[in-house]
C-alpha atoms as a PDB file:
ATOM      1  CA  ALA A   1      45.720 106.284 -44.764  1.00  0.00           C
ATOM      2  CA  LEU A   2      48.315 105.493 -47.133  1.00  0.00           C
ATOM      3  CA  LEU A   3      49.994 107.706 -49.919  1.00  0.00           C
ATOM      4  CA  VAL A   4      50.966 105.661 -53.089  1.00  0.00           C
ATOM      5  CA  GLY A   5      52.891 107.378 -55.916  1.00  0.00           C
ATOM      6  CA  GLY A   6      54.016 106.193 -59.267  1.00  0.00           C
ATOM      7  CA  VAL A   7      54.361 107.235 -62.821  1.00  0.00           C
ATOM      8  CA  THR A   8      52.286 106.091 -65.746  1.00  0.00           C
ATOM      9  CA  ASP A   9      52.606 106.632 -69.442  1.00  0.00           C
ATOM     10  CA  ASP A  10      50.409 109.771 -68.836  1.00  0.00           C
ATOM     11  CA  GLY A  11      52.713 111.010 -66.303  1.00  0.00           C
ATOM     12  CA  PRO A  12      52.925 111.037 -62.319  1.00  0.00           C
ATOM     13  CA  ARG A  13      50.028 109.711 -60.265  1.00  0.00           C
ATOM     14  CA  LEU A  14      49.465 110.025 -56.393  1.00  0.00           C
ATOM     15  CA  TYR A  15      46.795 108.052 -54.490  1.00  0.00           C
ATOM     16  CA  GLN A  16      45.450 108.295 -51.007  1.00  0.00           C
ATOM     17  CA  ILE A  17      44.183 105.087 -49.683  1.00  0.00           C
ATOM     18  CA  ASP A  18      41.931 105.276 -46.928  1.00  0.00           C
ATOM     19  CA  PRO A  19      41.540 102.414 -44.285  1.00  0.00           C
ATOM     20  CA  SER A  20      38.580 100.776 -46.306  1.00  0.00           C
ATOM     21  CA  GLY A  21      40.858 100.498 -49.268  1.00  0.00           C
ATOM     22  CA  THR A  22      39.264 103.185 -51.363  1.00  0.00           C
ATOM     23  CA  PRO A  23      41.660 105.315 -53.457  1.00  0.00           C
ATOM     24  CA  ASP A  24      41.501 108.922 -54.210  1.00  0.00           C
ATOM     25  CA  ALA A  25      43.590 110.587 -56.697  1.00  0.00           C
ATOM     26  CA  TRP A  26      45.425 113.840 -55.888  1.00  0.00           C
ATOM     27  CA  ARG A  27      47.994 116.406 -57.359  1.00  0.00           C
ATOM     28  CA  ALA A  28      49.245 116.824 -53.698  1.00  0.00           C
ATOM     29  CA  ALA A  29      48.259 115.110 -50.268  1.00  0.00           C
ATOM     30  CA  ALA A  30      49.309 114.660 -46.645  1.00  0.00           C
ATOM     31  CA  VAL A  31      48.450 112.233 -43.997  1.00  0.00           C
ATOM     32  CA  GLY A  32      49.313 112.060 -40.436  1.00  0.00           C
ATOM     33  CA  SER A  33      50.192 114.662 -37.933  1.00  0.00           C
ATOM     34  CA  GLY A  34      49.994 118.276 -39.221  1.00  0.00           C
ATOM     35  CA  ALA A  35      48.325 117.034 -42.353  1.00  0.00           C
ATOM     36  CA  GLY A  36      45.472 119.675 -42.114  1.00  0.00           C
ATOM     37  CA  ASP A  37      48.020 122.637 -42.060  1.00  0.00           C
ATOM     38  CA  ILE A  38      50.052 120.935 -44.832  1.00  0.00           C
ATOM     39  CA  ARG A  39      46.981 120.467 -47.068  1.00  0.00           C
ATOM     40  CA  ALA A  40      45.934 124.108 -46.383  1.00  0.00           C
ATOM     41  CA  TYR A  41      49.541 125.306 -47.656  1.00  0.00           C
ATOM     42  CA  LEU A  42      49.385 122.972 -50.525  1.00  0.00           C
ATOM     43  CA  GLU A  43      45.954 124.342 -51.554  1.00  0.00           C
ATOM     44  CA  ASP A  44      47.211 127.963 -51.256  1.00  0.00           C
ATOM     45  CA  GLU A  45      50.424 127.440 -53.027  1.00  0.00           C
ATOM     46  CA  TYR A  46      50.296 124.638 -55.438  1.00  0.00           C
ATOM     47  CA  ALA A  47      50.309 125.060 -59.185  1.00  0.00           C
ATOM     48  CA  ASP A  48      50.545 122.864 -62.025  1.00  0.00           C
ATOM     49  CA  GLY A  49      53.511 122.690 -64.154  1.00  0.00           C
ATOM     50  CA  LEU A  50      55.964 122.835 -61.261  1.00  0.00           C
ATOM     51  CA  ASP A  51      59.369 121.672 -62.244  1.00  0.00           C
ATOM     52  CA  ARG A  52      61.101 119.217 -60.095  1.00  0.00           C
ATOM     53  CA  GLU A  53      63.009 121.619 -57.877  1.00  0.00           C
ATOM     54  CA  ALA A  54      60.112 124.001 -57.500  1.00  0.00           C
ATOM     55  CA  ALA A  55      57.964 120.958 -56.302  1.00  0.00           C
ATOM     56  CA  LEU A  56      60.504 119.813 -53.863  1.00  0.00           C
ATOM     57  CA  SER A  57      60.663 123.095 -52.375  1.00  0.00           C
ATOM     58  CA  LEU A  58      56.811 123.400 -52.158  1.00  0.00           C
ATOM     59  CA  ALA A  59      56.773 120.043 -50.449  1.00  0.00           C
ATOM     60  CA  LEU A  60      59.535 120.812 -47.798  1.00  0.00           C
ATOM     61  CA  ARG A  61      57.674 124.416 -47.115  1.00  0.00           C
ATOM     62  CA  ALA A  62      54.366 122.468 -46.829  1.00  0.00           C
ATOM     63  CA  LEU A  63      55.983 120.053 -44.104  1.00  0.00           C
ATOM     64  CA  SER A  64      57.399 123.071 -42.301  1.00  0.00           C
ATOM     65  CA  ALA A  65      53.920 124.532 -42.236  1.00  0.00           C
ATOM     66  CA  GLY A  66      52.684 121.390 -40.482  1.00  0.00           C
ATOM     67  CA  THR A  67      54.993 121.475 -37.767  1.00  0.00           C
ATOM     68  CA  ASP A  68      56.314 123.981 -34.892  1.00  0.00           C
ATOM     69  CA  ASP A  69      59.804 122.184 -35.025  1.00  0.00           C
ATOM     70  CA  GLU A  70      62.431 123.024 -37.584  1.00  0.00           C
ATOM     71  CA  LEU A  71      63.076 120.397 -40.333  1.00  0.00           C
ATOM     72  CA  SER A  72      66.297 118.758 -39.728  1.00  0.00           C
ATOM     73  CA  PRO A  73      68.287 116.675 -42.200  1.00  0.00           C
ATOM     74  CA  PRO A  74      68.920 113.712 -39.893  1.00  0.00           C
ATOM     75  CA  GLN A  75      65.304 113.447 -38.903  1.00  0.00           C
ATOM     76  CA  LEU A  76      63.816 113.944 -42.456  1.00  0.00           C
ATOM     77  CA  ASP A  77      63.688 111.451 -45.328  1.00  0.00           C
ATOM     78  CA  VAL A  78      63.254 113.059 -48.738  1.00  0.00           C
ATOM     79  CA  ALA A  79      62.746 111.193 -51.956  1.00  0.00           C
ATOM     80  CA  VAL A  80      61.461 111.925 -55.442  1.00  0.00           C
ATOM     81  CA  LEU A  81      59.759 109.716 -57.823  1.00  0.00           C
ATOM     82  CA  ASP A  82      59.520 110.848 -61.357  1.00  0.00           C
ATOM     83  CA  ASP A  83      59.798 109.637 -64.885  1.00  0.00           C
ATOM     84  CA  ALA A  84      63.662 109.303 -64.338  1.00  0.00           C
ATOM     85  CA  GLY A  85      62.942 106.829 -61.547  1.00  0.00           C
ATOM     86  CA  PHE A  86      63.433 106.926 -57.651  1.00  0.00           C
ATOM     87  CA  GLU A  87      66.025 109.091 -55.707  1.00  0.00           C
ATOM     88  CA  ALA A  88      66.492 108.926 -51.894  1.00  0.00           C
ATOM     89  CA  PHE A  89      68.448 112.014 -50.729  1.00  0.00           C
ATOM     90  CA  ASP A  90      71.468 111.527 -48.541  1.00  0.00           C
ATOM     91  CA  ARG A  91      71.785 113.885 -45.529  1.00  0.00           C
ATOM     92  CA  ASP A  92      73.952 116.608 -47.612  1.00  0.00           C
ATOM     93  CA  ARG A  93      71.148 116.507 -50.335  1.00  0.00           C
ATOM     94  CA  ARG A  94      68.537 116.876 -47.757  1.00  0.00           C
ATOM     95  CA  ALA A  95      70.291 119.795 -46.153  1.00  0.00           C
ATOM     96  CA  ALA A  96      70.619 121.362 -49.549  1.00  0.00           C
ATOM     97  CA  ALA A  97      67.026 121.028 -50.449  1.00  0.00           C
ATOM     98  CA  LEU A  98      66.071 122.745 -47.210  1.00  0.00           C
ATOM     99  CA  ASP A  99      68.574 125.588 -48.043  1.00  0.00           C
ATOM    100  CA  ASP A 100      67.053 125.745 -51.606  1.00  0.00           C
ATOM    101  CA  ALA A 101      63.618 126.028 -49.882  1.00  0.00           C
ATOM    102  CA  ASP A 102      64.614 128.916 -47.722  1.00  0.00           C
ATOM    103  CA  LEU A 103      64.066 126.687 -44.546  1.00  0.00           C
ATOM    104  CA  PRO A 104      66.693 126.748 -41.763  1.00  0.00           C
ATOM    105  CA  ALA A 105      68.310 123.367 -41.135  1.00  0.00           C
ATOM    106  CA  SER A 106      69.387 122.296 -37.795  1.00  0.00           C
END
């Protein structure tokens, strides 16, 4: 499956596209290894109206719930797509985001 995100006049959008090409809209989604645990975490913790930093912390905690390993800035890519545009985080910003989410960074 493929996750595709973007921003329209109506706000942010997230779609999961299955192998047959069928798109499904989601507020939060996960694919790949650990996706079941990540989705379960998101179902329990997601709330409408999260600000950017709260949503980022939620996403990182959800990723952490989907793995037995610590999340590590050198092995983690983080980006935010919102109405201000696309921002890919450098290593220091990834480490700060992990700290803000109360996750240990190795």
